[in-house]
Amino acid sequence: EETCRLLRELNPDVEGSSHAKPIAEIVKEDPDFISRHQ
């Protein structure tokens, strides 16, 4: 959350979000999570 907040200050045109969970747990809850990125 903290690195996301401060990175967003560099460029207001860029949207940022964060997750404070292990990646395996996130993908288990949301199988399409990775596919939403390039």
PDB file of all heavy atoms in Angstrom:
ATOM      1  N   GLU A   1       0.821  -1.210   0.000  1.00  0.00           N
ATOM      2  CA  GLU A   1       0.000   0.000   0.000  1.00  0.00           C
ATOM      3  C   GLU A   1       0.857   1.263   0.000  1.00  0.00           C
ATOM      4  O   GLU A   1       0.556   2.235  -0.704  1.00  0.00           O
ATOM      5  CB  GLU A   1      -0.930  -0.001   1.212  1.00  0.00           C
ATOM      6  CG  GLU A   1      -2.011  -1.068   1.174  1.00  0.00           C
ATOM      7  CD  GLU A   1      -2.900  -1.041   2.406  1.00  0.00           C
ATOM      8  OE1 GLU A   1      -2.764  -0.081   3.202  1.00  0.00           O
ATOM      9  OE2 GLU A   1      -3.720  -1.955   2.574  1.00  0.00           O
ATOM     10  N   GLU A   2       1.926   1.260   0.784  1.00  0.00           N
ATOM     11  CA  GLU A   2       2.764   2.462   0.897  1.00  0.00           C
ATOM     12  C   GLU A   2       3.534   2.729  -0.390  1.00  0.00           C
ATOM     13  O   GLU A   2       3.610   3.866  -0.858  1.00  0.00           O
ATOM     14  CB  GLU A   2       3.720   2.307   2.084  1.00  0.00           C
ATOM     15  CG  GLU A   2       3.038   2.403   3.430  1.00  0.00           C
ATOM     16  CD  GLU A   2       2.373   3.756   3.636  1.00  0.00           C
ATOM     17  OE1 GLU A   2       3.083   4.760   3.759  1.00  0.00           O
ATOM     18  OE2 GLU A   2       1.120   3.807   3.634  1.00  0.00           O
ATOM     19  N   THR A   3       4.138   1.698  -0.965  1.00  0.00           N
ATOM     20  CA  THR A   3       4.872   1.916  -2.220  1.00  0.00           C
ATOM     21  C   THR A   3       3.916   2.290  -3.338  1.00  0.00           C
ATOM     22  O   THR A   3       4.248   3.129  -4.191  1.00  0.00           O
ATOM     23  CB  THR A   3       5.677   0.661  -2.608  1.00  0.00           C
ATOM     24  OG1 THR A   3       4.818  -0.493  -2.591  1.00  0.00           O
ATOM     25  CG2 THR A   3       6.841   0.433  -1.668  1.00  0.00           C
ATOM     26  N   CYS A   4       2.723   1.731  -3.332  1.00  0.00           N
ATOM     27  CA  CYS A   4       1.722   2.085  -4.348  1.00  0.00           C
ATOM     28  C   CYS A   4       1.344   3.558  -4.218  1.00  0.00           C
ATOM     29  O   CYS A   4       1.299   4.290  -5.213  1.00  0.00           O
ATOM     30  CB  CYS A   4       0.494   1.196  -4.197  1.00  0.00           C
ATOM     31  SG  CYS A   4      -0.868   1.617  -5.304  1.00  0.00           S
ATOM     32  N   ARG A   5       1.098   4.002  -3.008  1.00  0.00           N
ATOM     33  CA  ARG A   5       0.696   5.398  -2.774  1.00  0.00           C
ATOM     34  C   ARG A   5       1.760   6.377  -3.259  1.00  0.00           C
ATOM     35  O   ARG A   5       1.448   7.368  -3.936  1.00  0.00           O
ATOM     36  CB  ARG A   5       0.429   5.598  -1.279  1.00  0.00           C
ATOM     37  CG  ARG A   5       0.103   7.039  -0.880  1.00  0.00           C
ATOM     38  CD  ARG A   5      -0.221   7.148   0.597  1.00  0.00           C
ATOM     39  NE  ARG A   5       0.906   6.790   1.443  1.00  0.00           N
ATOM     40  CZ  ARG A   5       1.879   7.641   1.785  1.00  0.00           C
ATOM     41  NH1 ARG A   5       1.859   8.887   1.324  1.00  0.00           N
ATOM     42  NH2 ARG A   5       2.855   7.252   2.594  1.00  0.00           N
ATOM     43  N   LEU A   6       3.014   6.095  -2.938  1.00  0.00           N
ATOM     44  CA  LEU A   6       4.084   7.029  -3.292  1.00  0.00           C
ATOM     45  C   LEU A   6       4.461   6.940  -4.771  1.00  0.00           C
ATOM     46  O   LEU A   6       4.871   7.940  -5.366  1.00  0.00           O
ATOM     47  CB  LEU A   6       5.300   6.768  -2.404  1.00  0.00           C
ATOM     48  CG  LEU A   6       5.047   7.121  -0.922  1.00  0.00           C
ATOM     49  CD1 LEU A   6       6.133   6.568  -0.023  1.00  0.00           C
ATOM     50  CD2 LEU A   6       4.933   8.627  -0.752  1.00  0.00           C
ATOM     51  N   LEU A   7       4.307   5.771  -5.368  1.00  0.00           N
ATOM     52  CA  LEU A   7       4.560   5.660  -6.806  1.00  0.00           C
ATOM     53  C   LEU A   7       3.521   6.435  -7.604  1.00  0.00           C
ATOM     54  O   LEU A   7       3.844   7.066  -8.615  1.00  0.00           O
ATOM     55  CB  LEU A   7       4.547   4.187  -7.236  1.00  0.00           C
ATOM     56  CG  LEU A   7       5.823   3.387  -6.984  1.00  0.00           C
ATOM     57  CD1 LEU A   7       5.579   1.897  -7.216  1.00  0.00           C
ATOM     58  CD2 LEU A   7       6.961   3.866  -7.878  1.00  0.00           C
ATOM     59  N   ARG A   8       2.283   6.422  -7.140  1.00  0.00           N
ATOM     60  CA  ARG A   8       1.220   7.124  -7.862  1.00  0.00           C
ATOM     61  C   ARG A   8       1.457   8.632  -7.873  1.00  0.00           C
ATOM     62  O   ARG A   8       0.981   9.338  -8.778  1.00  0.00           O
ATOM     63  CB  ARG A   8      -0.133   6.813  -7.239  1.00  0.00           C
ATOM     64  CG  ARG A   8      -0.613   5.394  -7.500  1.00  0.00           C
ATOM     65  CD  ARG A   8      -1.956   5.123  -6.852  1.00  0.00           C
ATOM     66  NE  ARG A   8      -2.998   5.999  -7.382  1.00  0.00           N
ATOM     67  CZ  ARG A   8      -4.236   6.029  -6.896  1.00  0.00           C
ATOM     68  NH1 ARG A   8      -4.576   5.263  -5.880  1.00  0.00           N
ATOM     69  NH2 ARG A   8      -5.140   6.843  -7.420  1.00  0.00           N
ATOM     70  N   GLU A   9       2.179   9.150  -6.878  1.00  0.00           N
ATOM     71  CA  GLU A   9       2.468  10.578  -6.836  1.00  0.00           C
ATOM     72  C   GLU A   9       3.370  11.006  -8.000  1.00  0.00           C
ATOM     73  O   GLU A   9       3.408  12.184  -8.360  1.00  0.00           O
ATOM     74  CB  GLU A   9       3.133  10.946  -5.507  1.00  0.00           C
ATOM     75  CG  GLU A   9       2.202  10.851  -4.304  1.00  0.00           C
ATOM     76  CD  GLU A   9       2.875  11.295  -3.027  1.00  0.00           C
ATOM     77  OE1 GLU A   9       4.047  11.707  -3.093  1.00  0.00           O
ATOM     78  OE2 GLU A   9       2.244  11.234  -1.947  1.00  0.00           O
ATOM     79  N   LEU A  10       4.104  10.056  -8.580  1.00  0.00           N
ATOM     80  CA  LEU A  10       5.013  10.390  -9.683  1.00  0.00           C
ATOM     81  C   LEU A  10       4.262  10.797 -10.945  1.00  0.00           C
ATOM     82  O   LEU A  10       4.749  11.601 -11.734  1.00  0.00           O
ATOM     83  CB  LEU A  10       5.917   9.195 -10.010  1.00  0.00           C
ATOM     84  CG  LEU A  10       6.916   8.754  -8.949  1.00  0.00           C
ATOM     85  CD1 LEU A  10       7.636   7.498  -9.416  1.00  0.00           C
ATOM     86  CD2 LEU A  10       7.926   9.870  -8.668  1.00  0.00           C
ATOM     87  N   ASN A  11       3.087  10.200 -11.156  1.00  0.00           N
ATOM     88  CA  ASN A  11       2.352  10.464 -12.391  1.00  0.00           C
ATOM     89  C   ASN A  11       0.859  10.284 -12.135  1.00  0.00           C
ATOM     90  O   ASN A  11       0.363   9.161 -12.035  1.00  0.00           O
ATOM     91  CB  ASN A  11       2.816   9.498 -13.495  1.00  0.00           C
ATOM     92  CG  ASN A  11       2.320   9.900 -14.867  1.00  0.00           C
ATOM     93  OD1 ASN A  11       1.343  10.628 -14.999  1.00  0.00           O
ATOM     94  ND2 ASN A  11       2.994   9.415 -15.900  1.00  0.00           N
ATOM     95  N   PRO A  12       0.117  11.375 -12.024  1.00  0.00           N
ATOM     96  CA  PRO A  12      -1.322  11.277 -11.719  1.00  0.00           C
ATOM     97  C   PRO A  12      -2.129  10.608 -12.816  1.00  0.00           C
ATOM     98  O   PRO A  12      -3.289  10.235 -12.588  1.00  0.00           O
ATOM     99  CB  PRO A  12      -1.738  12.745 -11.541  1.00  0.00           C
ATOM    100  CG  PRO A  12      -0.698  13.546 -12.255  1.00  0.00           C
ATOM    101  CD  PRO A  12       0.575  12.768 -12.122  1.00  0.00           C
ATOM    102  N   ASP A  13      -1.538  10.432 -14.017  1.00  0.00           N
ATOM    103  CA  ASP A  13      -2.262   9.771 -15.106  1.00  0.00           C
ATOM    104  C   ASP A  13      -2.275   8.257 -14.951  1.00  0.00           C
ATOM    105  O   ASP A  13      -2.981   7.566 -15.695  1.00  0.00           O
ATOM    106  CB  ASP A  13      -1.624  10.118 -16.465  1.00  0.00           C
ATOM    107  CG  ASP A  13      -1.749  11.585 -16.807  1.00  0.00           C
ATOM    108  OD1 ASP A  13      -2.693  12.221 -16.287  1.00  0.00           O
ATOM    109  OD2 ASP A  13      -0.915  12.106 -17.572  1.00  0.00           O
ATOM    110  N   VAL A  14      -1.487   7.742 -14.018  1.00  0.00           N
ATOM    111  CA  VAL A  14      -1.344   6.288 -13.865  1.00  0.00           C
ATOM    112  C   VAL A  14      -2.171   5.811 -12.686  1.00  0.00           C
ATOM    113  O   VAL A  14      -2.098   6.377 -11.593  1.00  0.00           O
ATOM    114  CB  VAL A  14       0.135   5.901 -13.674  1.00  0.00           C
ATOM    115  CG1 VAL A  14       0.271   4.394 -13.467  1.00  0.00           C
ATOM    116  CG2 VAL A  14       0.959   6.354 -14.877  1.00  0.00           C
ATOM    117  N   GLU A  15      -2.940   4.753 -12.901  1.00  0.00           N
ATOM    118  CA  GLU A  15      -3.780   4.188 -11.844  1.00  0.00           C
ATOM    119  C   GLU A  15      -3.022   3.045 -11.176  1.00  0.00           C
ATOM    120  O   GLU A  15      -2.375   2.235 -11.846  1.00  0.00           O
ATOM    121  CB  GLU A  15      -5.096   3.678 -12.445  1.00  0.00           C
ATOM    122  CG  GLU A  15      -6.172   3.330 -11.429  1.00  0.00           C
ATOM    123  CD  GLU A  15      -6.043   1.919 -10.885  1.00  0.00           C
ATOM    124  OE1 GLU A  15      -5.582   1.028 -11.637  1.00  0.00           O
ATOM    125  OE2 GLU A  15      -6.378   1.702  -9.707  1.00  0.00           O
ATOM    126  N   GLY A  16      -3.074   2.977  -9.845  1.00  0.00           N
ATOM    127  CA  GLY A  16      -2.362   1.932  -9.114  1.00  0.00           C
ATOM    128  C   GLY A  16      -3.215   1.308  -8.030  1.00  0.00           C
ATOM    129  O   GLY A  16      -4.068   1.973  -7.439  1.00  0.00           O
ATOM    130  N   SER A  17      -2.969   0.027  -7.772  1.00  0.00           N
ATOM    131  CA  SER A  17      -3.669  -0.670  -6.690  1.00  0.00           C
ATOM    132  C   SER A  17      -2.686  -1.641  -6.037  1.00  0.00           C
ATOM    133  O   SER A  17      -1.611  -1.906  -6.571  1.00  0.00           O
ATOM    134  CB  SER A  17      -4.892  -1.427  -7.220  1.00  0.00           C
ATOM    135  OG  SER A  17      -4.501  -2.425  -8.152  1.00  0.00           O
ATOM    136  N   SER A  18      -3.052  -2.159  -4.874  1.00  0.00           N
ATOM    137  CA  SER A  18      -2.138  -3.027  -4.135  1.00  0.00           C
ATOM    138  C   SER A  18      -2.892  -4.127  -3.419  1.00  0.00           C
ATOM    139  O   SER A  18      -4.095  -3.997  -3.138  1.00  0.00           O
ATOM    140  CB  SER A  18      -1.324  -2.204  -3.132  1.00  0.00           C
ATOM    141  OG  SER A  18      -2.197  -1.595  -2.178  1.00  0.00           O
ATOM    142  N   HIS A  19      -2.174  -5.211  -3.121  1.00  0.00           N
ATOM    143  CA  HIS A  19      -2.719  -6.340  -2.369  1.00  0.00           C
ATOM    144  C   HIS A  19      -1.672  -6.786  -1.365  1.00  0.00           C
ATOM    145  O   HIS A  19      -0.522  -7.068  -1.751  1.00  0.00           O
ATOM    146  CB  HIS A  19      -3.065  -7.504  -3.304  1.00  0.00           C
ATOM    147  CG  HIS A  19      -4.169  -7.210  -4.274  1.00  0.00           C
ATOM    148  ND1 HIS A  19      -5.492  -7.430  -3.990  1.00  0.00           N
ATOM    149  CD2 HIS A  19      -4.129  -6.668  -5.528  1.00  0.00           C
ATOM    150  CE1 HIS A  19      -6.230  -7.065  -5.030  1.00  0.00           C
ATOM    151  NE2 HIS A  19      -5.425  -6.607  -5.974  1.00  0.00           N
ATOM    152  N   ALA A  20      -2.049  -6.868  -0.109  1.00  0.00           N
ATOM    153  CA  ALA A  20      -1.113  -7.275   0.943  1.00  0.00           C
ATOM    154  C   ALA A  20      -1.285  -8.754   1.281  1.00  0.00           C
ATOM    155  O   ALA A  20      -1.283  -9.149   2.444  1.00  0.00           O
ATOM    156  CB  ALA A  20      -1.305  -6.414   2.181  1.00  0.00           C
ATOM    157  N   LYS A  21      -1.465  -9.572   0.250  1.00  0.00           N
ATOM    158  CA  LYS A  21      -1.598 -11.025   0.421  1.00  0.00           C
ATOM    159  C   LYS A  21      -0.575 -11.725  -0.469  1.00  0.00           C
ATOM    160  O   LYS A  21      -0.126 -11.166  -1.468  1.00  0.00           O
ATOM    161  CB  LYS A  21      -3.002 -11.492  -0.001  1.00  0.00           C
ATOM    162  CG  LYS A  21      -4.155 -10.959   0.802  1.00  0.00           C
ATOM    163  CD  LYS A  21      -5.459 -11.524   0.231  1.00  0.00           C
ATOM    164  CE  LYS A  21      -6.679 -11.019   0.986  1.00  0.00           C
ATOM    165  NZ  LYS A  21      -7.935 -11.570   0.391  1.00  0.00           N
ATOM    166  N   PRO A  22      -0.214 -12.961  -0.154  1.00  0.00           N
ATOM    167  CA  PRO A  22       0.642 -13.742  -1.054  1.00  0.00           C
ATOM    168  C   PRO A  22      -0.058 -13.963  -2.383  1.00  0.00           C
ATOM    169  O   PRO A  22      -1.285 -14.106  -2.439  1.00  0.00           O
ATOM    170  CB  PRO A  22       0.847 -15.067  -0.302  1.00  0.00           C
ATOM    171  CG  PRO A  22       0.569 -14.741   1.126  1.00  0.00           C
ATOM    172  CD  PRO A  22      -0.488 -13.682   1.110  1.00  0.00           C
ATOM    173  N   ILE A  23       0.701 -14.013  -3.446  1.00  0.00           N
ATOM    174  CA  ILE A  23       0.121 -14.132  -4.789  1.00  0.00           C
ATOM    175  C   ILE A  23      -0.671 -15.421  -4.949  1.00  0.00           C
ATOM    176  O   ILE A  23      -1.710 -15.451  -5.613  1.00  0.00           O
ATOM    177  CB  ILE A  23       1.230 -14.022  -5.869  1.00  0.00           C
ATOM    178  CG1 ILE A  23       0.616 -14.031  -7.273  1.00  0.00           C
ATOM    179  CG2 ILE A  23       2.251 -15.130  -5.717  1.00  0.00           C
ATOM    180  CD1 ILE A  23      -0.286 -12.869  -7.568  1.00  0.00           C
ATOM    181  N   ALA A  24      -0.205 -16.508  -4.318  1.00  0.00           N
ATOM    182  CA  ALA A  24      -0.913 -17.784  -4.443  1.00  0.00           C
ATOM    183  C   ALA A  24      -2.326 -17.676  -3.875  1.00  0.00           C
ATOM    184  O   ALA A  24      -3.292 -18.229  -4.434  1.00  0.00           O
ATOM    185  CB  ALA A  24      -0.133 -18.889  -3.728  1.00  0.00           C
ATOM    186  N   GLU A  25      -2.469 -16.961  -2.783  1.00  0.00           N
ATOM    187  CA  GLU A  25      -3.782 -16.784  -2.157  1.00  0.00           C
ATOM    188  C   GLU A  25      -4.697 -15.937  -3.033  1.00  0.00           C
ATOM    189  O   GLU A  25      -5.896 -16.217  -3.175  1.00  0.00           O
ATOM    190  CB  GLU A  25      -3.599 -16.128  -0.786  1.00  0.00           C
ATOM    191  CG  GLU A  25      -4.872 -16.009   0.028  1.00  0.00           C
ATOM    192  CD  GLU A  25      -4.615 -15.412   1.402  1.00  0.00           C
ATOM    193  OE1 GLU A  25      -3.496 -15.587   1.926  1.00  0.00           O
ATOM    194  OE2 GLU A  25      -5.540 -14.755   1.934  1.00  0.00           O
ATOM    195  N   ILE A  26      -4.135 -14.900  -3.651  1.00  0.00           N
ATOM    196  CA  ILE A  26      -4.938 -14.022  -4.513  1.00  0.00           C
ATOM    197  C   ILE A  26      -5.457 -14.785  -5.719  1.00  0.00           C
ATOM    198  O   ILE A  26      -6.636 -14.681  -6.088  1.00  0.00           O
ATOM    199  CB  ILE A  26      -4.091 -12.809  -4.961  1.00  0.00           C
ATOM    200  CG1 ILE A  26      -3.738 -11.937  -3.765  1.00  0.00           C
ATOM    201  CG2 ILE A  26      -4.839 -11.991  -6.016  1.00  0.00           C
ATOM    202  CD1 ILE A  26      -2.754 -10.829  -4.097  1.00  0.00           C
ATOM    203  N   VAL A  27      -4.573 -15.565  -6.361  1.00  0.00           N
ATOM    204  CA  VAL A  27      -4.967 -16.317  -7.561  1.00  0.00           C
ATOM    205  C   VAL A  27      -5.994 -17.390  -7.214  1.00  0.00           C
ATOM    206  O   VAL A  27      -6.901 -17.681  -8.003  1.00  0.00           O
ATOM    207  CB  VAL A  27      -3.726 -16.937  -8.236  1.00  0.00           C
ATOM    208  CG1 VAL A  27      -4.126 -17.878  -9.357  1.00  0.00           C
ATOM    209  CG2 VAL A  27      -2.810 -15.837  -8.770  1.00  0.00           C
ATOM    210  N   LYS A  28      -5.868 -17.961  -6.020  1.00  0.00           N
ATOM    211  CA  LYS A  28      -6.848 -18.970  -5.598  1.00  0.00           C
ATOM    212  C   LYS A  28      -8.230 -18.351  -5.461  1.00  0.00           C
ATOM    213  O   LYS A  28      -9.242 -18.953  -5.843  1.00  0.00           O
ATOM    214  CB  LYS A  28      -6.406 -19.593  -4.274  1.00  0.00           C
ATOM    215  CG  LYS A  28      -7.278 -20.759  -3.819  1.00  0.00           C
ATOM    216  CD  LYS A  28      -6.737 -21.378  -2.540  1.00  0.00           C
ATOM    217  CE  LYS A  28      -7.609 -22.554  -2.091  1.00  0.00           C
ATOM    218  NZ  LYS A  28      -7.080 -23.177  -0.833  1.00  0.00           N
ATOM    219  N   GLU A  29      -8.291 -17.125  -4.938  1.00  0.00           N
ATOM    220  CA  GLU A  29      -9.575 -16.439  -4.773  1.00  0.00           C
ATOM    221  C   GLU A  29     -10.096 -15.878  -6.092  1.00  0.00           C
ATOM    222  O   GLU A  29     -11.311 -15.789  -6.299  1.00  0.00           O
ATOM    223  CB  GLU A  29      -9.419 -15.293  -3.762  1.00  0.00           C
ATOM    224  CG  GLU A  29      -9.076 -15.755  -2.356  1.00  0.00           C
ATOM    225  CD  GLU A  29      -8.759 -14.589  -1.435  1.00  0.00           C
ATOM    226  OE1 GLU A  29      -8.741 -13.432  -1.931  1.00  0.00           O
ATOM    227  OE2 GLU A  29      -8.536 -14.813  -0.230  1.00  0.00           O
ATOM    228  N   ASP A  30      -9.164 -15.474  -6.985  1.00  0.00           N
ATOM    229  CA  ASP A  30      -9.547 -14.843  -8.256  1.00  0.00           C
ATOM    230  C   ASP A  30      -8.708 -15.446  -9.379  1.00  0.00           C
ATOM    231  O   ASP A  30      -7.644 -14.924  -9.722  1.00  0.00           O
ATOM    232  CB  ASP A  30      -9.324 -13.331  -8.157  1.00  0.00           C
ATOM    233  CG  ASP A  30      -9.735 -12.596  -9.427  1.00  0.00           C
ATOM    234  OD1 ASP A  30     -10.259 -13.239 -10.353  1.00  0.00           O
ATOM    235  OD2 ASP A  30      -9.532 -11.366  -9.498  1.00  0.00           O
ATOM    236  N   PRO A  31      -9.157 -16.538 -10.002  1.00  0.00           N
ATOM    237  CA  PRO A  31      -8.361 -17.230 -11.035  1.00  0.00           C
ATOM    238  C   PRO A  31      -8.020 -16.363 -12.237  1.00  0.00           C
ATOM    239  O   PRO A  31      -7.051 -16.645 -12.947  1.00  0.00           O
ATOM    240  CB  PRO A  31      -9.265 -18.401 -11.440  1.00  0.00           C
ATOM    241  CG  PRO A  31     -10.168 -18.617 -10.262  1.00  0.00           C
ATOM    242  CD  PRO A  31     -10.408 -17.256  -9.692  1.00  0.00           C
ATOM    243  N   ASP A  32      -8.795 -15.305 -12.498  1.00  0.00           N
ATOM    244  CA  ASP A  32      -8.537 -14.443 -13.665  1.00  0.00           C
ATOM    245  C   ASP A  32      -7.642 -13.252 -13.326  1.00  0.00           C
ATOM    246  O   ASP A  32      -7.450 -12.364 -14.161  1.00  0.00           O
ATOM    247  CB  ASP A  32      -9.867 -13.927 -14.233  1.00  0.00           C
ATOM    248  CG  ASP A  32     -10.745 -15.059 -14.765  1.00  0.00           C
ATOM    249  OD1 ASP A  32     -10.183 -16.044 -15.273  1.00  0.00           O
ATOM    250  OD2 ASP A  32     -11.979 -14.938 -14.651  1.00  0.00           O
ATOM    251  N   PHE A  33      -7.092 -13.231 -12.139  1.00  0.00           N
ATOM    252  CA  PHE A  33      -6.326 -12.070 -11.680  1.00  0.00           C
ATOM    253  C   PHE A  33      -5.151 -11.767 -12.606  1.00  0.00           C
ATOM    254  O   PHE A  33      -4.954 -10.618 -13.032  1.00  0.00           O
ATOM    255  CB  PHE A  33      -5.824 -12.325 -10.255  1.00  0.00           C
ATOM    256  CG  PHE A  33      -4.978 -11.223  -9.691  1.00  0.00           C
ATOM    257  CD1 PHE A  33      -5.537 -10.035  -9.269  1.00  0.00           C
ATOM    258  CD2 PHE A  33      -3.594 -11.371  -9.588  1.00  0.00           C
ATOM    259  CE1 PHE A  33      -4.760  -9.014  -8.758  1.00  0.00           C
ATOM    260  CE2 PHE A  33      -2.805 -10.357  -9.078  1.00  0.00           C
ATOM    261  CZ  PHE A  33      -3.383  -9.175  -8.660  1.00  0.00           C
ATOM    262  N   ILE A  34      -4.362 -12.765 -12.946  1.00  0.00           N
ATOM    263  CA  ILE A  34      -3.159 -12.540 -13.762  1.00  0.00           C
ATOM    264  C   ILE A  34      -3.525 -12.118 -15.176  1.00  0.00           C
ATOM    265  O   ILE A  34      -2.864 -11.249 -15.771  1.00  0.00           O
ATOM    266  CB  ILE A  34      -2.286 -13.807 -13.774  1.00  0.00           C
ATOM    267  CG1 ILE A  34      -1.752 -14.079 -12.370  1.00  0.00           C
ATOM    268  CG2 ILE A  34      -1.117 -13.675 -14.763  1.00  0.00           C
ATOM    269  CD1 ILE A  34      -1.017 -15.390 -12.216  1.00  0.00           C
ATOM    270  N   SER A  35      -4.593 -12.682 -15.721  1.00  0.00           N
ATOM    271  CA  SER A  35      -4.953 -12.418 -17.123  1.00  0.00           C
ATOM    272  C   SER A  35      -5.374 -10.976 -17.367  1.00  0.00           C
ATOM    273  O   SER A  35      -5.469 -10.549 -18.525  1.00  0.00           O
ATOM    274  CB  SER A  35      -6.071 -13.362 -17.565  1.00  0.00           C
ATOM    275  OG  SER A  35      -7.253 -13.135 -16.825  1.00  0.00           O
ATOM    276  N   ARG A  36      -5.619 -10.215 -16.304  1.00  0.00           N
ATOM    277  CA  ARG A  36      -6.018  -8.814 -16.469  1.00  0.00           C
ATOM    278  C   ARG A  36      -4.814  -7.887 -16.611  1.00  0.00           C
ATOM    279  O   ARG A  36      -4.971  -6.661 -16.596  1.00  0.00           O
ATOM    280  CB  ARG A  36      -6.899  -8.374 -15.300  1.00  0.00           C
ATOM    281  CG  ARG A  36      -8.266  -9.061 -15.276  1.00  0.00           C
ATOM    282  CD  ARG A  36      -9.227  -8.338 -14.342  1.00  0.00           C
ATOM    283  NE  ARG A  36      -8.873  -8.552 -12.950  1.00  0.00           N
ATOM    284  CZ  ARG A  36      -9.311  -9.558 -12.197  1.00  0.00           C
ATOM    285  NH1 ARG A  36     -10.088 -10.478 -12.741  1.00  0.00           N
ATOM    286  NH2 ARG A  36      -8.961  -9.658 -10.933  1.00  0.00           N
ATOM    287  N   HIS A  37      -3.640  -8.439 -16.744  1.00  0.00           N
ATOM    288  CA  HIS A  37      -2.418  -7.649 -16.889  1.00  0.00           C
ATOM    289  C   HIS A  37      -1.725  -7.973 -18.215  1.00  0.00           C
ATOM    290  O   HIS A  37      -1.930  -9.045 -18.785  1.00  0.00           O
ATOM    291  CB  HIS A  37      -1.476  -7.923 -15.714  1.00  0.00           C
ATOM    292  CG  HIS A  37      -2.080  -7.584 -14.374  1.00  0.00           C
ATOM    293  ND1 HIS A  37      -2.909  -8.458 -13.699  1.00  0.00           N
ATOM    294  CD2 HIS A  37      -1.985  -6.468 -13.590  1.00  0.00           C
ATOM    295  CE1 HIS A  37      -3.299  -7.907 -12.560  1.00  0.00           C
ATOM    296  NE2 HIS A  37      -2.761  -6.698 -12.468  1.00  0.00           N
ATOM    297  N   GLN A  38      -0.915  -7.038 -18.677  1.00  0.00           N
ATOM    298  CA  GLN A  38      -0.191  -7.234 -19.939  1.00  0.00           C
ATOM    299  C   GLN A  38       1.282  -7.585 -19.722  1.00  0.00           C
ATOM    300  O   GLN A  38       1.981  -7.947 -20.655  1.00  0.00           O
ATOM    301  CB  GLN A  38      -0.279  -5.965 -20.802  1.00  0.00           C
ATOM    302  CG  GLN A  38      -1.624  -5.761 -21.484  1.00  0.00           C
ATOM    303  CD  GLN A  38      -2.747  -5.467 -20.510  1.00  0.00           C
ATOM    304  OE1 GLN A  38      -2.630  -4.563 -19.675  1.00  0.00           O
ATOM    305  NE2 GLN A  38      -3.830  -6.218 -20.603  1.00  0.00           N
TER     306      GLN A  38
END
